[in-house]
Amino acid sequence: QVQLVESGGGLVQAGGSLRLSCAASELTVSAYAMGWFRQAPGKEREFVAAISRNGGTTYYSDSVKGRFTISKDKTKNTVYLQMNSLKSEDTAVYYCGARGSRWYPTTTNVNDYAYWGQGTQVTVSS
């Protein structure tokens, strides 16, 4: 059974940094397109960043481009989201997602992801 476990969230001041981790089991992150999404209270889950199977291609939402970096570590079977220059509007629960098959391409559409973690809370104080 595929499991994705996020960690690394917390409370940080505006301008600070956090690194989120998504540890996978029963799924090899280097073989699947993966993504990070977030959901603020009262809002729908939205795309943040995605990375291709081999890690060679990345995508970012306009709101985080230049501040966030998505990466994979195949030795640890983990996907990361490095978040710098955090803003209060980045406050949300962050979720890691994986496509349902290693043959599926990278996508920014939340409905295309089959596997999800439980989420980790990120709160940015202004």
PDB file of N, CA and C in Angstrom:
ATOM      1  N   GLN A   1       0.849  -1.187   0.000  1.00  0.00           N
ATOM      2  CA  GLN A   1       0.000   0.000   0.000  1.00  0.00           C
ATOM      3  C   GLN A   1       0.888   1.241   0.000  1.00  0.00           C
ATOM      4  N   VAL A   2       0.648   2.122  -0.961  1.00  0.00           N
ATOM      5  CA  VAL A   2       1.444   3.336  -1.070  1.00  0.00           C
ATOM      6  C   VAL A   2       1.158   4.278   0.100  1.00  0.00           C
ATOM      7  N   GLN A   3       2.241   4.795   0.678  1.00  0.00           N
ATOM      8  CA  GLN A   3       2.094   5.803   1.735  1.00  0.00           C
ATOM      9  C   GLN A   3       3.024   6.962   1.452  1.00  0.00           C
ATOM     10  N   LEU A   4       2.505   8.163   1.624  1.00  0.00           N
ATOM     11  CA  LEU A   4       3.296   9.385   1.533  1.00  0.00           C
ATOM     12  C   LEU A   4       3.162  10.104   2.875  1.00  0.00           C
ATOM     13  N   VAL A   5       4.293  10.434   3.473  1.00  0.00           N
ATOM     14  CA  VAL A   5       4.272  11.062   4.799  1.00  0.00           C
ATOM     15  C   VAL A   5       5.034  12.384   4.734  1.00  0.00           C
ATOM     16  N   GLU A   6       4.298  13.476   4.918  1.00  0.00           N
ATOM     17  CA  GLU A   6       4.911  14.799   4.913  1.00  0.00           C
ATOM     18  C   GLU A   6       5.405  15.180   6.294  1.00  0.00           C
ATOM     19  N   SER A   7       6.435  16.002   6.329  1.00  0.00           N
ATOM     20  CA  SER A   7       6.954  16.546   7.573  1.00  0.00           C
ATOM     21  C   SER A   7       7.683  17.854   7.265  1.00  0.00           C
ATOM     22  N   GLY A   8       8.013  18.580   8.328  1.00  0.00           N
ATOM     23  CA  GLY A   8       8.792  19.798   8.157  1.00  0.00           C
ATOM     24  C   GLY A   8       8.013  21.088   8.274  1.00  0.00           C
ATOM     25  N   GLY A   9       6.708  20.992   8.418  1.00  0.00           N
ATOM     26  CA  GLY A   9       5.910  22.195   8.570  1.00  0.00           C
ATOM     27  C   GLY A   9       6.119  22.826   9.936  1.00  0.00           C
ATOM     28  N   GLY A  10       5.555  24.012  10.102  1.00  0.00           N
ATOM     29  CA  GLY A  10       5.677  24.690  11.386  1.00  0.00           C
ATOM     30  C   GLY A  10       5.325  26.153  11.268  1.00  0.00           C
ATOM     31  N   LEU A  11       5.669  26.885  12.323  1.00  0.00           N
ATOM     32  CA  LEU A  11       5.422  28.330  12.386  1.00  0.00           C
ATOM     33  C   LEU A  11       6.718  29.063  12.085  1.00  0.00           C
ATOM     34  N   VAL A  12       6.661  30.017  11.166  1.00  0.00           N
ATOM     35  CA  VAL A  12       7.851  30.764  10.781  1.00  0.00           C
ATOM     36  C   VAL A  12       7.453  32.210  10.515  1.00  0.00           C
ATOM     37  N   GLN A  13       8.379  33.111  10.731  1.00  0.00           N
ATOM     38  CA  GLN A  13       8.099  34.514  10.454  1.00  0.00           C
ATOM     39  C   GLN A  13       8.213  34.794   8.959  1.00  0.00           C
ATOM     40  N   ALA A  14       7.520  35.818   8.520  1.00  0.00           N
ATOM     41  CA  ALA A  14       7.614  36.221   7.117  1.00  0.00           C
ATOM     42  C   ALA A  14       9.067  36.505   6.767  1.00  0.00           C
ATOM     43  N   GLY A  15       9.472  36.033   5.590  1.00  0.00           N
ATOM     44  CA  GLY A  15      10.845  36.163   5.155  1.00  0.00           C
ATOM     45  C   GLY A  15      11.707  34.964   5.491  1.00  0.00           C
ATOM     46  N   GLY A  16      11.184  34.084   6.334  1.00  0.00           N
ATOM     47  CA  GLY A  16      11.927  32.903   6.744  1.00  0.00           C
ATOM     48  C   GLY A  16      11.826  31.766   5.747  1.00  0.00           C
ATOM     49  N   SER A  17      12.398  30.624   6.147  1.00  0.00           N
ATOM     50  CA  SER A  17      12.452  29.451   5.276  1.00  0.00           C
ATOM     51  C   SER A  17      12.009  28.190   6.016  1.00  0.00           C
ATOM     52  N   LEU A  18      11.513  27.250   5.255  1.00  0.00           N
ATOM     53  CA  LEU A  18      11.198  25.911   5.741  1.00  0.00           C
ATOM     54  C   LEU A  18      11.501  24.926   4.621  1.00  0.00           C
ATOM     55  N   ARG A  19      11.813  23.690   5.011  1.00  0.00           N
ATOM     56  CA  ARG A  19      11.944  22.623   4.023  1.00  0.00           C
ATOM     57  C   ARG A  19      10.978  21.509   4.385  1.00  0.00           C
ATOM     58  N   LEU A  20      10.071  21.235   3.477  1.00  0.00           N
ATOM     59  CA  LEU A  20       9.125  20.142   3.661  1.00  0.00           C
ATOM     60  C   LEU A  20       9.690  18.874   3.037  1.00  0.00           C
ATOM     61  N   SER A  21       9.383  17.745   3.684  1.00  0.00           N
ATOM     62  CA  SER A  21       9.799  16.446   3.177  1.00  0.00           C
ATOM     63  C   SER A  21       8.583  15.574   2.947  1.00  0.00           C
ATOM     64  N   CYS A  22       8.677  14.706   1.959  1.00  0.00           N
ATOM     65  CA  CYS A  22       7.618  13.737   1.662  1.00  0.00           C
ATOM     66  C   CYS A  22       8.300  12.395   1.467  1.00  0.00           C
ATOM     67  N   ALA A  23       8.201  11.556   2.490  1.00  0.00           N
ATOM     68  CA  ALA A  23       8.816  10.236   2.440  1.00  0.00           C
ATOM     69  C   ALA A  23       7.808   9.234   1.902  1.00  0.00           C
ATOM     70  N   ALA A  24       8.240   8.451   0.918  1.00  0.00           N
ATOM     71  CA  ALA A  24       7.338   7.502   0.278  1.00  0.00           C
ATOM     72  C   ALA A  24       7.682   6.067   0.636  1.00  0.00           C
ATOM     73  N   SER A  25       6.641   5.235   0.731  1.00  0.00           N
ATOM     74  CA  SER A  25       6.830   3.796   0.879  1.00  0.00           C
ATOM     75  C   SER A  25       5.929   3.089  -0.124  1.00  0.00           C
ATOM     76  N   GLU A  26       6.401   1.952  -0.602  1.00  0.00           N
ATOM     77  CA  GLU A  26       5.709   1.177  -1.638  1.00  0.00           C
ATOM     78  C   GLU A  26       5.561   1.984  -2.939  1.00  0.00           C
ATOM     79  N   LEU A  27       6.396   2.974  -3.114  1.00  0.00           N
ATOM     80  CA  LEU A  27       6.403   3.782  -4.341  1.00  0.00           C
ATOM     81  C   LEU A  27       7.803   4.368  -4.467  1.00  0.00           C
ATOM     82  N   THR A  28       8.396   4.234  -5.638  1.00  0.00           N
ATOM     83  CA  THR A  28       9.748   4.751  -5.864  1.00  0.00           C
ATOM     84  C   THR A  28       9.638   6.152  -6.457  1.00  0.00           C
ATOM     85  N   VAL A  29      10.030   7.164  -5.703  1.00  0.00           N
ATOM     86  CA  VAL A  29       9.803   8.546  -6.144  1.00  0.00           C
ATOM     87  C   VAL A  29      10.529   8.860  -7.443  1.00  0.00           C
ATOM     88  N   SER A  30      11.631   8.177  -7.708  1.00  0.00           N
ATOM     89  CA  SER A  30      12.373   8.455  -8.933  1.00  0.00           C
ATOM     90  C   SER A  30      11.684   7.883 -10.172  1.00  0.00           C
ATOM     91  N   ALA A  31      10.617   7.118  -9.950  1.00  0.00           N
ATOM     92  CA  ALA A  31       9.898   6.514 -11.083  1.00  0.00           C
ATOM     93  C   ALA A  31       8.536   7.163 -11.324  1.00  0.00           C
ATOM     94  N   TYR A  32       8.158   8.115 -10.465  1.00  0.00           N
ATOM     95  CA  TYR A  32       6.836   8.735 -10.563  1.00  0.00           C
ATOM     96  C   TYR A  32       6.949  10.254 -10.627  1.00  0.00           C
ATOM     97  N   ALA A  33       6.042  10.854 -11.382  1.00  0.00           N
ATOM     98  CA  ALA A  33       5.877  12.305 -11.305  1.00  0.00           C
ATOM     99  C   ALA A  33       5.232  12.625  -9.956  1.00  0.00           C
ATOM    100  N   MET A  34       5.740  13.644  -9.289  1.00  0.00           N
ATOM    101  CA  MET A  34       5.294  14.007  -7.949  1.00  0.00           C
ATOM    102  C   MET A  34       4.969  15.499  -7.901  1.00  0.00           C
ATOM    103  N   GLY A  35       4.166  15.868  -6.903  1.00  0.00           N
ATOM    104  CA  GLY A  35       3.827  17.277  -6.788  1.00  0.00           C
ATOM    105  C   GLY A  35       3.558  17.694  -5.361  1.00  0.00           C
ATOM    106  N   TRP A  36       3.614  18.993  -5.147  1.00  0.00           N
ATOM    107  CA  TRP A  36       3.208  19.591  -3.875  1.00  0.00           C
ATOM    108  C   TRP A  36       2.013  20.510  -4.155  1.00  0.00           C
ATOM    109  N   PHE A  37       1.038  20.410  -3.265  1.00  0.00           N
ATOM    110  CA  PHE A  37      -0.145  21.240  -3.348  1.00  0.00           C
ATOM    111  C   PHE A  37      -0.399  21.827  -1.964  1.00  0.00           C
ATOM    112  N   ARG A  38      -1.261  22.830  -1.891  1.00  0.00           N
ATOM    113  CA  ARG A  38      -1.588  23.408  -0.590  1.00  0.00           C
ATOM    114  C   ARG A  38      -3.047  23.806  -0.541  1.00  0.00           C
ATOM    115  N   GLN A  39      -3.549  23.840   0.673  1.00  0.00           N
ATOM    116  CA  GLN A  39      -4.952  24.202   0.871  1.00  0.00           C
ATOM    117  C   GLN A  39      -5.072  25.104   2.091  1.00  0.00           C
ATOM    118  N   ALA A  40      -5.540  26.313   1.850  1.00  0.00           N
ATOM    119  CA  ALA A  40      -5.783  27.264   2.918  1.00  0.00           C
ATOM    120  C   ALA A  40      -7.238  27.121   3.374  1.00  0.00           C
ATOM    121  N   PRO A  41      -7.552  27.553   4.594  1.00  0.00           N
ATOM    122  CA  PRO A  41      -8.924  27.433   5.102  1.00  0.00           C
ATOM    123  C   PRO A  41      -9.933  28.101   4.170  1.00  0.00           C
ATOM    124  N   GLY A  42     -10.978  27.360   3.839  1.00  0.00           N
ATOM    125  CA  GLY A  42     -12.029  27.895   2.997  1.00  0.00           C
ATOM    126  C   GLY A  42     -11.705  27.943   1.523  1.00  0.00           C
ATOM    127  N   LYS A  43     -10.543  27.402   1.145  1.00  0.00           N
ATOM    128  CA  LYS A  43     -10.139  27.436  -0.263  1.00  0.00           C
ATOM    129  C   LYS A  43      -9.926  26.021  -0.786  1.00  0.00           C
ATOM    130  N   GLU A  44      -9.902  25.913  -2.101  1.00  0.00           N
ATOM    131  CA  GLU A  44      -9.636  24.617  -2.716  1.00  0.00           C
ATOM    132  C   GLU A  44      -8.132  24.327  -2.703  1.00  0.00           C
ATOM    133  N   ARG A  45      -7.835  23.061  -2.814  1.00  0.00           N
ATOM    134  CA  ARG A  45      -6.428  22.656  -2.901  1.00  0.00           C
ATOM    135  C   ARG A  45      -5.850  23.190  -4.214  1.00  0.00           C
ATOM    136  N   GLU A  46      -4.664  23.800  -4.119  1.00  0.00           N
ATOM    137  CA  GLU A  46      -4.067  24.411  -5.308  1.00  0.00           C
ATOM    138  C   GLU A  46      -2.655  23.897  -5.550  1.00  0.00           C
ATOM    139  N   PHE A  47      -2.278  23.949  -6.800  1.00  0.00           N
ATOM    140  CA  PHE A  47      -0.959  23.500  -7.218  1.00  0.00           C
ATOM    141  C   PHE A  47       0.118  24.435  -6.710  1.00  0.00           C
ATOM    142  N   VAL A  48       1.239  23.848  -6.274  1.00  0.00           N
ATOM    143  CA  VAL A  48       2.404  24.620  -5.845  1.00  0.00           C
ATOM    144  C   VAL A  48       3.611  24.314  -6.730  1.00  0.00           C
ATOM    145  N   ALA A  49       3.971  23.019  -6.829  1.00  0.00           N
ATOM    146  CA  ALA A  49       5.149  22.628  -7.598  1.00  0.00           C
ATOM    147  C   ALA A  49       5.024  21.172  -8.006  1.00  0.00           C
ATOM    148  N   ALA A  50       5.684  20.821  -9.111  1.00  0.00           N
ATOM    149  CA  ALA A  50       5.690  19.436  -9.575  1.00  0.00           C
ATOM    150  C   ALA A  50       7.047  19.116 -10.167  1.00  0.00           C
ATOM    151  N   ILE A  51       7.362  17.817 -10.167  1.00  0.00           N
ATOM    152  CA  ILE A  51       8.657  17.375 -10.663  1.00  0.00           C
ATOM    153  C   ILE A  51       8.460  16.095 -11.459  1.00  0.00           C
ATOM    154  N   SER A  52       9.181  15.984 -12.563  1.00  0.00           N
ATOM    155  CA  SER A  52       9.047  14.831 -13.437  1.00  0.00           C
ATOM    156  C   SER A  52       9.654  13.582 -12.816  1.00  0.00           C
ATOM    157  N   ARG A  53       9.449  12.451 -13.476  1.00  0.00           N
ATOM    158  CA  ARG A  53       9.944  11.171 -12.955  1.00  0.00           C
ATOM    159  C   ARG A  53      11.437  11.219 -12.662  1.00  0.00           C
ATOM    160  N   ASN A  54      12.204  11.680 -13.628  1.00  0.00           N
ATOM    161  CA  ASN A  54      13.660  11.662 -13.445  1.00  0.00           C
ATOM    162  C   ASN A  54      14.179  12.927 -12.764  1.00  0.00           C
ATOM    163  N   GLY A  55      13.270  13.831 -12.412  1.00  0.00           N
ATOM    164  CA  GLY A  55      13.668  15.049 -11.724  1.00  0.00           C
ATOM    165  C   GLY A  55      14.222  16.126 -12.628  1.00  0.00           C
ATOM    166  N   GLY A  56      14.222  15.877 -13.934  1.00  0.00           N
ATOM    167  CA  GLY A  56      14.837  16.816 -14.851  1.00  0.00           C
ATOM    168  C   GLY A  56      13.987  18.020 -15.206  1.00  0.00           C
ATOM    169  N   THR A  57      12.688  17.919 -14.944  1.00  0.00           N
ATOM    170  CA  THR A  57      11.768  19.002 -15.277  1.00  0.00           C
ATOM    171  C   THR A  57      10.942  19.360 -14.057  1.00  0.00           C
ATOM    172  N   THR A  58      10.839  20.643 -13.787  1.00  0.00           N
ATOM    173  CA  THR A  58      10.043  21.113 -12.658  1.00  0.00           C
ATOM    174  C   THR A  58       9.069  22.189 -13.117  1.00  0.00           C
ATOM    175  N   TYR A  59       7.985  22.315 -12.367  1.00  0.00           N
ATOM    176  CA  TYR A  59       6.961  23.308 -12.654  1.00  0.00           C
ATOM    177  C   TYR A  59       6.595  23.998 -11.342  1.00  0.00           C
ATOM    178  N   TYR A  60       6.267  25.275 -11.444  1.00  0.00           N
ATOM    179  CA  TYR A  60       5.902  26.040 -10.252  1.00  0.00           C
ATOM    180  C   TYR A  60       4.708  26.944 -10.569  1.00  0.00           C
ATOM    181  N   SER A  61       3.914  27.171  -9.546  1.00  0.00           N
ATOM    182  CA  SER A  61       2.864  28.169  -9.707  1.00  0.00           C
ATOM    183  C   SER A  61       3.524  29.547  -9.733  1.00  0.00           C
ATOM    184  N   ASP A  62       2.853  30.493 -10.334  1.00  0.00           N
ATOM    185  CA  ASP A  62       3.420  31.841 -10.437  1.00  0.00           C
ATOM    186  C   ASP A  62       3.658  32.445  -9.056  1.00  0.00           C
ATOM    187  N   SER A  63       2.822  32.070  -8.097  1.00  0.00           N
ATOM    188  CA  SER A  63       2.919  32.675  -6.766  1.00  0.00           C
ATOM    189  C   SER A  63       4.153  32.236  -5.985  1.00  0.00           C
ATOM    190  N   VAL A  64       4.768  31.108  -6.372  1.00  0.00           N
ATOM    191  CA  VAL A  64       5.927  30.625  -5.622  1.00  0.00           C
ATOM    192  C   VAL A  64       7.203  30.591  -6.456  1.00  0.00           C
ATOM    193  N   LYS A  65       7.086  30.842  -7.739  1.00  0.00           N
ATOM    194  CA  LYS A  65       8.239  30.766  -8.643  1.00  0.00           C
ATOM    195  C   LYS A  65       9.331  31.714  -8.159  1.00  0.00           C
ATOM    196  N   GLY A  66      10.544  31.189  -8.099  1.00  0.00           N
ATOM    197  CA  GLY A  66      11.668  31.987  -7.634  1.00  0.00           C
ATOM    198  C   GLY A  66      11.891  31.930  -6.133  1.00  0.00           C
ATOM    199  N   ARG A  67      10.925  31.397  -5.396  1.00  0.00           N
ATOM    200  CA  ARG A  67      11.042  31.296  -3.936  1.00  0.00           C
ATOM    201  C   ARG A  67      11.092  29.843  -3.468  1.00  0.00           C
ATOM    202  N   PHE A  68      10.359  28.954  -4.151  1.00  0.00           N
ATOM    203  CA  PHE A  68      10.282  27.545  -3.751  1.00  0.00           C
ATOM    204  C   PHE A  68      11.062  26.690  -4.747  1.00  0.00           C
ATOM    205  N   THR A  69      11.591  25.573  -4.239  1.00  0.00           N
ATOM    206  CA  THR A  69      12.298  24.621  -5.088  1.00  0.00           C
ATOM    207  C   THR A  69      11.878  23.203  -4.732  1.00  0.00           C
ATOM    208  N   ILE A  70      11.455  22.453  -5.734  1.00  0.00           N
ATOM    209  CA  ILE A  70      11.082  21.043  -5.535  1.00  0.00           C
ATOM    210  C   ILE A  70      12.241  20.175  -5.999  1.00  0.00           C
ATOM    211  N   SER A  71      12.490  19.088  -5.271  1.00  0.00           N
ATOM    212  CA  SER A  71      13.584  18.191  -5.643  1.00  0.00           C
ATOM    213  C   SER A  71      13.280  16.788  -5.146  1.00  0.00           C
ATOM    214  N   LYS A  72      14.069  15.826  -5.655  1.00  0.00           N
ATOM    215  CA  LYS A  72      13.929  14.435  -5.241  1.00  0.00           C
ATOM    216  C   LYS A  72      15.280  13.918  -4.778  1.00  0.00           C
ATOM    217  N   ASP A  73      15.248  13.020  -3.792  1.00  0.00           N
ATOM    218  CA  ASP A  73      16.442  12.298  -3.374  1.00  0.00           C
ATOM    219  C   ASP A  73      16.111  10.815  -3.463  1.00  0.00           C
ATOM    220  N   LYS A  74      16.609  10.166  -4.501  1.00  0.00           N
ATOM    221  CA  LYS A  74      16.221   8.770  -4.700  1.00  0.00           C
ATOM    222  C   LYS A  74      16.841   7.858  -3.654  1.00  0.00           C
ATOM    223  N   THR A  75      17.970   8.261  -3.066  1.00  0.00           N
ATOM    224  CA  THR A  75      18.592   7.412  -2.043  1.00  0.00           C
ATOM    225  C   THR A  75      17.740   7.370  -0.776  1.00  0.00           C
ATOM    226  N   LYS A  76      16.999   8.451  -0.531  1.00  0.00           N
ATOM    227  CA  LYS A  76      16.126   8.511   0.643  1.00  0.00           C
ATOM    228  C   LYS A  76      14.658   8.292   0.261  1.00  0.00           C
ATOM    229  N   ASN A  77      14.415   8.138  -1.049  1.00  0.00           N
ATOM    230  CA  ASN A  77      13.047   7.958  -1.550  1.00  0.00           C
ATOM    231  C   ASN A  77      12.119   9.060  -1.020  1.00  0.00           C
ATOM    232  N   THR A  78      12.590  10.279  -1.146  1.00  0.00           N
ATOM    233  CA  THR A  78      11.913  11.435  -0.552  1.00  0.00           C
ATOM    234  C   THR A  78      11.876  12.589  -1.550  1.00  0.00           C
ATOM    235  N   VAL A  79      10.763  13.326  -1.503  1.00  0.00           N
ATOM    236  CA  VAL A  79      10.617  14.546  -2.285  1.00  0.00           C
ATOM    237  C   VAL A  79      10.633  15.723  -1.318  1.00  0.00           C
ATOM    238  N   TYR A  80      11.288  16.786  -1.717  1.00  0.00           N
ATOM    239  CA  TYR A  80      11.425  17.960  -0.858  1.00  0.00           C
ATOM    240  C   TYR A  80      10.790  19.191  -1.490  1.00  0.00           C
ATOM    241  N   LEU A  81      10.411  20.119  -0.637  1.00  0.00           N
ATOM    242  CA  LEU A  81       9.990  21.447  -1.090  1.00  0.00           C
ATOM    243  C   LEU A  81      10.713  22.456  -0.211  1.00  0.00           C
ATOM    244  N   GLN A  82      11.710  23.095  -0.780  1.00  0.00           N
ATOM    245  CA  GLN A  82      12.430  24.148  -0.077  1.00  0.00           C
ATOM    246  C   GLN A  82      11.679  25.450  -0.297  1.00  0.00           C
ATOM    247  N   MET A  83      11.288  26.084   0.807  1.00  0.00           N
ATOM    248  CA  MET A  83      10.491  27.309   0.730  1.00  0.00           C
ATOM    249  C   MET A  83      11.267  28.451   1.370  1.00  0.00           C
ATOM    250  N   ASN A  84      11.593  29.447   0.566  1.00  0.00           N
ATOM    251  CA  ASN A  84      12.321  30.625   1.034  1.00  0.00           C
ATOM    252  C   ASN A  84      11.459  31.872   0.887  1.00  0.00           C
ATOM    253  N   SER A  85      11.857  32.916   1.568  1.00  0.00           N
ATOM    254  CA  SER A  85      11.149  34.202   1.491  1.00  0.00           C
ATOM    255  C   SER A  85       9.651  34.020   1.695  1.00  0.00           C
ATOM    256  N   LEU A  86       9.304  33.301   2.738  1.00  0.00           N
ATOM    257  CA  LEU A  86       7.903  32.969   2.973  1.00  0.00           C
ATOM    258  C   LEU A  86       7.075  34.209   3.268  1.00  0.00           C
ATOM    259  N   LYS A  87       5.833  34.161   2.808  1.00  0.00           N
ATOM    260  CA  LYS A  87       4.881  35.253   2.991  1.00  0.00           C
ATOM    261  C   LYS A  87       3.667  34.736   3.757  1.00  0.00           C
ATOM    262  N   SER A  88       2.913  35.639   4.328  1.00  0.00           N
ATOM    263  CA  SER A  88       1.734  35.224   5.092  1.00  0.00           C
ATOM    264  C   SER A  88       0.747  34.463   4.202  1.00  0.00           C
ATOM    265  N   GLU A  89       0.693  34.810   2.927  1.00  0.00           N
ATOM    266  CA  GLU A  89      -0.231  34.126   2.017  1.00  0.00           C
ATOM    267  C   GLU A  89       0.195  32.701   1.672  1.00  0.00           C
ATOM    268  N   ASP A  90       1.375  32.296   2.129  1.00  0.00           N
ATOM    269  CA  ASP A  90       1.809  30.904   1.957  1.00  0.00           C
ATOM    270  C   ASP A  90       1.238  29.999   3.046  1.00  0.00           C
ATOM    271  N   THR A  91       0.582  30.573   4.030  1.00  0.00           N
ATOM    272  CA  THR A  91      -0.004  29.792   5.117  1.00  0.00           C
ATOM    273  C   THR A  91      -1.064  28.836   4.579  1.00  0.00           C
ATOM    274  N   ALA A  92      -0.888  27.544   4.868  1.00  0.00           N
ATOM    275  CA  ALA A  92      -1.794  26.514   4.361  1.00  0.00           C
ATOM    276  C   ALA A  92      -1.329  25.159   4.877  1.00  0.00           C
ATOM    277  N   VAL A  93      -2.158  24.153   4.631  1.00  0.00           N
ATOM    278  CA  VAL A  93      -1.721  22.777   4.798  1.00  0.00           C
ATOM    279  C   VAL A  93      -1.124  22.340   3.464  1.00  0.00           C
ATOM    280  N   TYR A  94       0.089  21.811   3.518  1.00  0.00           N
ATOM    281  CA  TYR A  94       0.793  21.387   2.310  1.00  0.00           C
ATOM    282  C   TYR A  94       0.722  19.872   2.164  1.00  0.00           C
ATOM    283  N   TYR A  95       0.365  19.437   0.957  1.00  0.00           N
ATOM    284  CA  TYR A  95       0.204  18.019   0.660  1.00  0.00           C
ATOM    285  C   TYR A  95       1.159  17.586  -0.442  1.00  0.00           C
ATOM    286  N   CYS A  96       1.662  16.387  -0.272  1.00  0.00           N
ATOM    287  CA  CYS A  96       2.482  15.760  -1.299  1.00  0.00           C
ATOM    288  C   CYS A  96       1.592  14.793  -2.073  1.00  0.00           C
ATOM    289  N   GLY A  97       1.761  14.776  -3.396  1.00  0.00           N
ATOM    290  CA  GLY A  97       0.968  13.881  -4.216  1.00  0.00           C
ATOM    291  C   GLY A  97       1.833  13.140  -5.217  1.00  0.00           C
ATOM    292  N   ALA A  98       1.345  11.966  -5.627  1.00  0.00           N
ATOM    293  CA  ALA A  98       2.035  11.174  -6.641  1.00  0.00           C
ATOM    294  C   ALA A  98       1.029  10.728  -7.707  1.00  0.00           C
ATOM    295  N   ARG A  99       1.487  10.659  -8.958  1.00  0.00           N
ATOM    296  CA  ARG A  99       0.634  10.149 -10.025  1.00  0.00           C
ATOM    297  C   ARG A  99       0.356   8.673  -9.800  1.00  0.00           C
ATOM    298  N   GLY A 100      -0.712   8.183 -10.384  1.00  0.00           N
ATOM    299  CA  GLY A 100      -1.135   6.808 -10.132  1.00  0.00           C
ATOM    300  C   GLY A 100      -0.329   5.755 -10.859  1.00  0.00           C
ATOM    301  N   SER A 101       0.472   6.162 -11.826  1.00  0.00           N
ATOM    302  CA  SER A 101       1.279   5.202 -12.572  1.00  0.00           C
ATOM    303  C   SER A 101       2.598   5.865 -12.944  1.00  0.00           C
ATOM    304  N   ARG A 102       3.642   5.086 -13.016  1.00  0.00           N
ATOM    305  CA  ARG A 102       4.946   5.630 -13.391  1.00  0.00           C
ATOM    306  C   ARG A 102       4.946   6.096 -14.849  1.00  0.00           C
ATOM    307  N   TRP A 103       3.936   5.699 -15.594  1.00  0.00           N
ATOM    308  CA  TRP A 103       3.880   6.080 -17.015  1.00  0.00           C
ATOM    309  C   TRP A 103       3.137   7.387 -17.238  1.00  0.00           C
ATOM    310  N   TYR A 104       2.525   7.920 -16.177  1.00  0.00           N
ATOM    311  CA  TYR A 104       1.781   9.157 -16.338  1.00  0.00           C
ATOM    312  C   TYR A 104       2.719  10.353 -16.303  1.00  0.00           C
ATOM    313  N   PRO A 105       2.457  11.349 -17.136  1.00  0.00           N
ATOM    314  CA  PRO A 105       3.353  12.506 -17.193  1.00  0.00           C
ATOM    315  C   PRO A 105       3.142  13.460 -16.013  1.00  0.00           C
ATOM    316  N   THR A 106       4.051  14.381 -15.881  1.00  0.00           N
ATOM    317  CA  THR A 106       3.952  15.415 -14.862  1.00  0.00           C
ATOM    318  C   THR A 106       2.776  16.332 -15.181  1.00  0.00           C
ATOM    319  N   THR A 107       2.067  16.739 -14.150  1.00  0.00           N
ATOM    320  CA  THR A 107       0.912  17.593 -14.361  1.00  0.00           C
ATOM    321  C   THR A 107       0.745  18.539 -13.185  1.00  0.00           C
ATOM    322  N   THR A 108       0.051  19.629 -13.424  1.00  0.00           N
ATOM    323  CA  THR A 108      -0.223  20.594 -12.356  1.00  0.00           C
ATOM    324  C   THR A 108      -1.666  20.488 -11.860  1.00  0.00           C
ATOM    325  N   ASN A 109      -2.407  19.528 -12.405  1.00  0.00           N
ATOM    326  CA  ASN A 109      -3.824  19.371 -12.073  1.00  0.00           C
ATOM    327  C   ASN A 109      -3.997  18.481 -10.852  1.00  0.00           C
ATOM    328  N   VAL A 110      -4.615  19.000  -9.807  1.00  0.00           N
ATOM    329  CA  VAL A 110      -4.753  18.254  -8.562  1.00  0.00           C
ATOM    330  C   VAL A 110      -5.534  16.953  -8.777  1.00  0.00           C
ATOM    331  N   ASN A 111      -6.447  16.940  -9.726  1.00  0.00           N
ATOM    332  CA  ASN A 111      -7.279  15.753  -9.963  1.00  0.00           C
ATOM    333  C   ASN A 111      -6.518  14.616 -10.631  1.00  0.00           C
ATOM    334  N   ASP A 112      -5.340  14.881 -11.115  1.00  0.00           N
ATOM    335  CA  ASP A 112      -4.532  13.860 -11.784  1.00  0.00           C
ATOM    336  C   ASP A 112      -3.679  13.042 -10.818  1.00  0.00           C
ATOM    337  N   TYR A 113      -3.684  13.410  -9.549  1.00  0.00           N
ATOM    338  CA  TYR A 113      -2.838  12.726  -8.567  1.00  0.00           C
ATOM    339  C   TYR A 113      -3.654  11.689  -7.804  1.00  0.00           C
ATOM    340  N   ALA A 114      -3.107  10.470  -7.722  1.00  0.00           N
ATOM    341  CA  ALA A 114      -3.843   9.369  -7.118  1.00  0.00           C
ATOM    342  C   ALA A 114      -3.491   9.137  -5.655  1.00  0.00           C
ATOM    343  N   TYR A 115      -2.262   9.469  -5.294  1.00  0.00           N
ATOM    344  CA  TYR A 115      -1.802   9.200  -3.936  1.00  0.00           C
ATOM    345  C   TYR A 115      -1.500  10.513  -3.234  1.00  0.00           C
ATOM    346  N   TRP A 116      -1.908  10.567  -1.953  1.00  0.00           N
ATOM    347  CA  TRP A 116      -1.731  11.782  -1.157  1.00  0.00           C
ATOM    348  C   TRP A 116      -1.239  11.461   0.237  1.00  0.00           C
ATOM    349  N   GLY A 117      -0.482  12.395   0.787  1.00  0.00           N
ATOM    350  CA  GLY A 117      -0.118  12.293   2.186  1.00  0.00           C
ATOM    351  C   GLY A 117      -1.177  12.952   3.048  1.00  0.00           C
ATOM    352  N   GLN A 118      -0.908  12.992   4.351  1.00  0.00           N
ATOM    353  CA  GLN A 118      -1.882  13.534   5.303  1.00  0.00           C
ATOM    354  C   GLN A 118      -1.774  15.043   5.437  1.00  0.00           C
ATOM    355  N   GLY A 119      -0.698  15.618   4.919  1.00  0.00           N
ATOM    356  CA  GLY A 119      -0.519  17.061   4.966  1.00  0.00           C
ATOM    357  C   GLY A 119       0.299  17.523   6.149  1.00  0.00           C
ATOM    358  N   THR A 120       0.926  18.682   5.995  1.00  0.00           N
ATOM    359  CA  THR A 120       1.681  19.305   7.071  1.00  0.00           C
ATOM    360  C   THR A 120       1.371  20.798   7.076  1.00  0.00           C
ATOM    361  N   GLN A 121       1.131  21.337   8.269  1.00  0.00           N
ATOM    362  CA  GLN A 121       0.697  22.728   8.391  1.00  0.00           C
ATOM    363  C   GLN A 121       1.896  23.666   8.317  1.00  0.00           C
ATOM    364  N   VAL A 122       1.760  24.683   7.490  1.00  0.00           N
ATOM    365  CA  VAL A 122       2.748  25.763   7.417  1.00  0.00           C
ATOM    366  C   VAL A 122       2.031  27.063   7.770  1.00  0.00           C
ATOM    367  N   THR A 123       2.538  27.738   8.778  1.00  0.00           N
ATOM    368  CA  THR A 123       1.959  29.005   9.201  1.00  0.00           C
ATOM    369  C   THR A 123       3.042  30.077   9.169  1.00  0.00           C
ATOM    370  N   VAL A 124       2.778  31.137   8.423  1.00  0.00           N
ATOM    371  CA  VAL A 124       3.735  32.229   8.287  1.00  0.00           C
ATOM    372  C   VAL A 124       3.144  33.458   8.967  1.00  0.00           C
ATOM    373  N   SER A 125       3.846  33.939   9.971  1.00  0.00           N
ATOM    374  CA  SER A 125       3.361  35.114  10.708  1.00  0.00           C
ATOM    375  C   SER A 125       3.970  36.377  10.111  1.00  0.00           C
ATOM    376  N   SER A 126       3.162  37.418  10.019  1.00  0.00           N
ATOM    377  CA  SER A 126       3.640  38.673   9.423  1.00  0.00           C
ATOM    378  C   SER A 126       4.098  39.649  10.497  1.00  0.00           C
TER     379      SER A 126
END
